[in-house]
N, C-alpha and C. Protein backbone atom coordinates (compact mmCIF):
# COMPACT_ATOMS: atom_id res chain seq x y z
N MET A 1 75.46 113.27 111.21
CA MET A 1 76.04 113.15 112.53
C MET A 1 76.14 114.55 113.12
N GLU A 2 75.79 114.73 114.37
CA GLU A 2 75.84 116.01 115.04
C GLU A 2 77.29 116.39 115.34
N ALA A 3 77.53 117.69 115.47
CA ALA A 3 78.87 118.18 115.75
C ALA A 3 79.41 117.61 117.06
N SER A 4 78.53 117.46 118.06
CA SER A 4 79.00 116.93 119.35
C SER A 4 79.47 115.48 119.21
N GLN A 5 78.86 114.72 118.32
CA GLN A 5 79.29 113.34 118.10
C GLN A 5 80.63 113.30 117.39
N LYS A 6 80.88 114.22 116.48
CA LYS A 6 82.14 114.23 115.75
C LYS A 6 83.32 114.49 116.69
N ARG A 7 83.11 115.26 117.73
CA ARG A 7 84.19 115.59 118.66
C ARG A 7 84.34 114.55 119.76
N ASP A 8 83.41 113.69 119.91
CA ASP A 8 83.44 112.68 120.97
C ASP A 8 84.57 111.69 120.69
N PRO A 9 85.56 111.62 121.57
CA PRO A 9 86.69 110.70 121.34
C PRO A 9 86.27 109.24 121.22
N ARG A 10 85.17 108.87 121.89
CA ARG A 10 84.72 107.47 121.78
C ARG A 10 84.30 107.15 120.36
N ASN A 11 83.57 108.09 119.72
CA ASN A 11 83.15 107.87 118.34
C ASN A 11 84.35 107.84 117.40
N GLN A 12 85.32 108.70 117.66
CA GLN A 12 86.52 108.71 116.82
C GLN A 12 87.29 107.40 116.95
N ARG A 13 87.36 106.87 118.16
CA ARG A 13 88.02 105.57 118.37
C ARG A 13 87.27 104.48 117.62
N ASP A 14 85.94 104.51 117.71
CA ASP A 14 85.14 103.52 117.00
C ASP A 14 85.35 103.63 115.49
N ASP A 15 85.37 104.87 114.98
CA ASP A 15 85.58 105.07 113.55
C ASP A 15 86.94 104.54 113.12
N ARG A 16 87.96 104.82 113.92
CA ARG A 16 89.31 104.33 113.59
C ARG A 16 89.36 102.81 113.61
N ALA A 17 88.65 102.21 114.55
CA ALA A 17 88.63 100.74 114.64
C ALA A 17 87.93 100.14 113.43
N VAL A 18 86.84 100.76 113.00
CA VAL A 18 86.12 100.26 111.82
C VAL A 18 87.00 100.40 110.58
N LEU A 19 87.65 101.55 110.42
CA LEU A 19 88.54 101.75 109.27
C LEU A 19 89.70 100.75 109.29
N ALA A 20 90.26 100.51 110.47
CA ALA A 20 91.36 99.55 110.59
C ALA A 20 90.90 98.14 110.21
N ALA A 21 89.69 97.77 110.61
CA ALA A 21 89.16 96.46 110.25
C ALA A 21 88.96 96.36 108.74
N CYS A 22 88.48 97.43 108.12
CA CYS A 22 88.30 97.44 106.67
C CYS A 22 89.65 97.34 105.95
N GLN A 23 90.64 98.08 106.46
CA GLN A 23 91.97 98.02 105.87
C GLN A 23 92.56 96.62 105.98
N ALA A 24 92.34 95.97 107.10
CA ALA A 24 92.84 94.61 107.28
C ALA A 24 92.14 93.65 106.33
N GLU A 25 90.85 93.85 106.12
CA GLU A 25 90.09 93.02 105.19
C GLU A 25 90.62 93.18 103.76
N VAL A 26 90.90 94.43 103.37
CA VAL A 26 91.44 94.70 102.04
C VAL A 26 92.83 94.09 101.91
N ALA A 27 93.67 94.26 102.91
CA ALA A 27 95.03 93.71 102.86
C ALA A 27 95.01 92.19 102.74
N SER A 28 94.11 91.55 103.47
CA SER A 28 94.00 90.09 103.40
C SER A 28 93.54 89.64 102.01
N ALA A 29 92.54 90.33 101.47
CA ALA A 29 92.04 89.98 100.14
C ALA A 29 93.12 90.19 99.08
N ARG A 30 93.88 91.27 99.20
CA ARG A 30 94.99 91.52 98.25
C ARG A 30 96.02 90.40 98.34
N ALA A 31 96.38 90.03 99.56
CA ALA A 31 97.40 89.00 99.77
C ALA A 31 96.95 87.66 99.21
N GLN A 32 95.69 87.30 99.42
CA GLN A 32 95.19 86.03 98.90
C GLN A 32 95.20 86.02 97.37
N LEU A 33 94.82 87.13 96.77
CA LEU A 33 94.82 87.22 95.31
C LEU A 33 96.24 87.14 94.78
N GLU A 34 97.15 87.87 95.40
CA GLU A 34 98.55 87.84 94.96
C GLU A 34 99.15 86.44 95.12
N ASP A 35 98.83 85.76 96.20
CA ASP A 35 99.33 84.40 96.42
C ASP A 35 98.83 83.45 95.33
N ALA A 36 97.55 83.56 94.98
CA ALA A 36 96.99 82.70 93.92
C ALA A 36 97.66 83.00 92.59
N ARG A 37 97.93 84.27 92.32
CA ARG A 37 98.62 84.63 91.07
C ARG A 37 100.01 84.05 91.04
N ARG A 38 100.74 84.15 92.15
CA ARG A 38 102.11 83.61 92.21
C ARG A 38 102.13 82.11 91.97
N ARG A 39 101.12 81.43 92.50
CA ARG A 39 101.04 79.97 92.33
C ARG A 39 100.55 79.58 90.95
N GLY A 40 100.08 80.56 90.18
CA GLY A 40 99.54 80.27 88.86
C GLY A 40 98.19 79.59 88.92
N ALA A 41 97.44 79.81 89.98
CA ALA A 41 96.16 79.15 90.20
C ALA A 41 95.05 79.95 89.52
N ARG A 42 94.96 79.84 88.21
CA ARG A 42 93.98 80.62 87.44
C ARG A 42 92.53 80.42 87.88
N PRO A 43 92.07 79.22 88.16
CA PRO A 43 90.67 79.07 88.58
C PRO A 43 90.36 79.79 89.90
N ASP A 44 91.38 79.97 90.73
CA ASP A 44 91.19 80.62 92.02
C ASP A 44 91.12 82.13 91.92
N VAL A 45 91.63 82.70 90.84
CA VAL A 45 91.80 84.14 90.75
C VAL A 45 90.47 84.89 90.70
N ASP A 46 89.50 84.45 89.91
CA ASP A 46 88.24 85.18 89.78
C ASP A 46 87.49 85.33 91.10
N PRO A 47 87.29 84.27 91.87
CA PRO A 47 86.59 84.46 93.15
C PRO A 47 87.40 85.34 94.12
N LEU A 48 88.71 85.23 94.07
CA LEU A 48 89.53 86.06 94.95
C LEU A 48 89.49 87.52 94.51
N ARG A 49 89.41 87.76 93.21
CA ARG A 49 89.26 89.13 92.72
C ARG A 49 87.92 89.69 93.17
N GLN A 50 86.88 88.87 93.11
CA GLN A 50 85.56 89.31 93.57
C GLN A 50 85.59 89.63 95.07
N ASN A 51 86.32 88.84 95.85
CA ASN A 51 86.47 89.12 97.28
C ASN A 51 87.17 90.45 97.50
N LEU A 52 88.20 90.73 96.69
CA LEU A 52 88.91 91.99 96.81
C LEU A 52 88.00 93.15 96.45
N VAL A 53 87.22 93.02 95.40
CA VAL A 53 86.27 94.09 95.03
C VAL A 53 85.29 94.32 96.17
N ALA A 54 84.77 93.27 96.76
CA ALA A 54 83.83 93.42 97.87
C ALA A 54 84.49 94.13 99.05
N ALA A 55 85.73 93.76 99.36
CA ALA A 55 86.45 94.40 100.47
C ALA A 55 86.71 95.88 100.17
N LEU A 56 87.11 96.18 98.93
CA LEU A 56 87.35 97.57 98.55
C LEU A 56 86.05 98.39 98.59
N GLU A 57 84.96 97.79 98.13
CA GLU A 57 83.67 98.48 98.17
C GLU A 57 83.24 98.76 99.61
N HIS A 58 83.42 97.79 100.48
CA HIS A 58 83.06 97.97 101.89
C HIS A 58 83.91 99.08 102.51
N TYR A 59 85.19 99.08 102.21
CA TYR A 59 86.10 100.12 102.70
C TYR A 59 85.67 101.50 102.19
N ALA A 60 85.36 101.59 100.89
CA ALA A 60 84.93 102.86 100.29
C ALA A 60 83.63 103.35 100.94
N LEU A 61 82.68 102.45 101.14
CA LEU A 61 81.41 102.84 101.77
C LEU A 61 81.63 103.33 103.21
N THR A 62 82.55 102.70 103.90
CA THR A 62 82.86 103.10 105.27
C THR A 62 83.46 104.50 105.29
N ILE A 63 84.39 104.76 104.39
CA ILE A 63 85.00 106.08 104.29
C ILE A 63 83.94 107.13 103.98
N GLU A 64 83.08 106.83 103.02
CA GLU A 64 82.01 107.78 102.66
C GLU A 64 81.07 108.01 103.85
N ARG A 65 80.73 106.95 104.55
CA ARG A 65 79.82 107.07 105.70
C ARG A 65 80.42 107.98 106.76
N LEU A 66 81.73 107.97 106.89
CA LEU A 66 82.39 108.82 107.88
C LEU A 66 82.56 110.25 107.38
N GLY A 67 82.17 110.50 106.14
CA GLY A 67 82.24 111.85 105.61
C GLY A 67 83.60 112.27 105.09
N ALA A 68 84.48 111.32 104.92
CA ALA A 68 85.81 111.63 104.41
C ALA A 68 85.84 111.44 102.89
N PRO A 69 86.74 112.12 102.23
CA PRO A 69 86.85 111.94 100.78
C PRO A 69 87.52 110.60 100.46
N LEU A 70 87.11 110.00 99.36
CA LEU A 70 87.72 108.75 98.93
C LEU A 70 89.08 109.03 98.29
N PRO A 71 90.10 108.32 98.71
CA PRO A 71 91.41 108.49 98.06
C PRO A 71 91.32 108.09 96.58
N SER A 72 91.96 108.86 95.73
CA SER A 72 91.90 108.57 94.29
C SER A 72 92.50 107.20 93.97
N ARG A 73 93.49 106.80 94.73
CA ARG A 73 94.11 105.48 94.50
C ARG A 73 93.11 104.36 94.77
N LEU A 74 92.30 104.52 95.81
CA LEU A 74 91.27 103.53 96.13
C LEU A 74 90.24 103.46 95.02
N CYS A 75 89.81 104.63 94.53
CA CYS A 75 88.84 104.66 93.43
C CYS A 75 89.40 103.98 92.19
N ALA A 76 90.66 104.26 91.88
CA ALA A 76 91.29 103.68 90.69
C ALA A 76 91.43 102.16 90.83
N GLU A 77 91.84 101.70 92.01
CA GLU A 77 91.99 100.26 92.22
C GLU A 77 90.65 99.55 92.12
N LEU A 78 89.64 100.14 92.71
CA LEU A 78 88.31 99.56 92.66
C LEU A 78 87.82 99.47 91.22
N GLN A 79 87.99 100.54 90.46
CA GLN A 79 87.57 100.54 89.06
C GLN A 79 88.34 99.49 88.25
N LEU A 80 89.63 99.38 88.49
CA LEU A 80 90.46 98.39 87.79
C LEU A 80 89.94 96.98 88.01
N TYR A 81 89.74 96.61 89.27
CA TYR A 81 89.30 95.25 89.55
C TYR A 81 87.86 95.00 89.12
N ARG A 82 87.03 96.02 89.17
CA ARG A 82 85.67 95.86 88.61
C ARG A 82 85.75 95.57 87.12
N ASN A 83 86.57 96.33 86.41
CA ASN A 83 86.71 96.13 84.96
C ASN A 83 87.31 94.77 84.62
N LEU A 84 88.27 94.34 85.39
CA LEU A 84 88.87 93.03 85.15
C LEU A 84 87.85 91.91 85.34
N GLY A 85 86.93 92.11 86.24
CA GLY A 85 85.89 91.12 86.48
C GLY A 85 84.88 91.01 85.36
N HIS A 86 84.80 92.03 84.50
CA HIS A 86 83.84 92.02 83.41
C HIS A 86 84.43 91.60 82.08
N ARG A 87 85.69 91.16 82.10
CA ARG A 87 86.30 90.68 80.85
C ARG A 87 85.65 89.37 80.43
N THR A 88 85.65 89.14 79.15
CA THR A 88 85.10 87.86 78.65
C THR A 88 86.16 87.09 77.93
């Protein structure tokens, strides 16, 4: 991205909107997974965990695309849920 684009307020607004949409997607996926856990709905947990991993991955890719560093907490959460998905 060119320096002039980085300073353009329109691009910054667009970037913030994309990040906000990703954050909302992650929050929704977290809430659905937590709700299924509270209800004890074991069959529902794996697909919801996969949805959360997908949302976290999309959020991470968006952050990287914008040239920002990935928060360590996001990396740790993503790794945790990826590992949980590979349990047998």
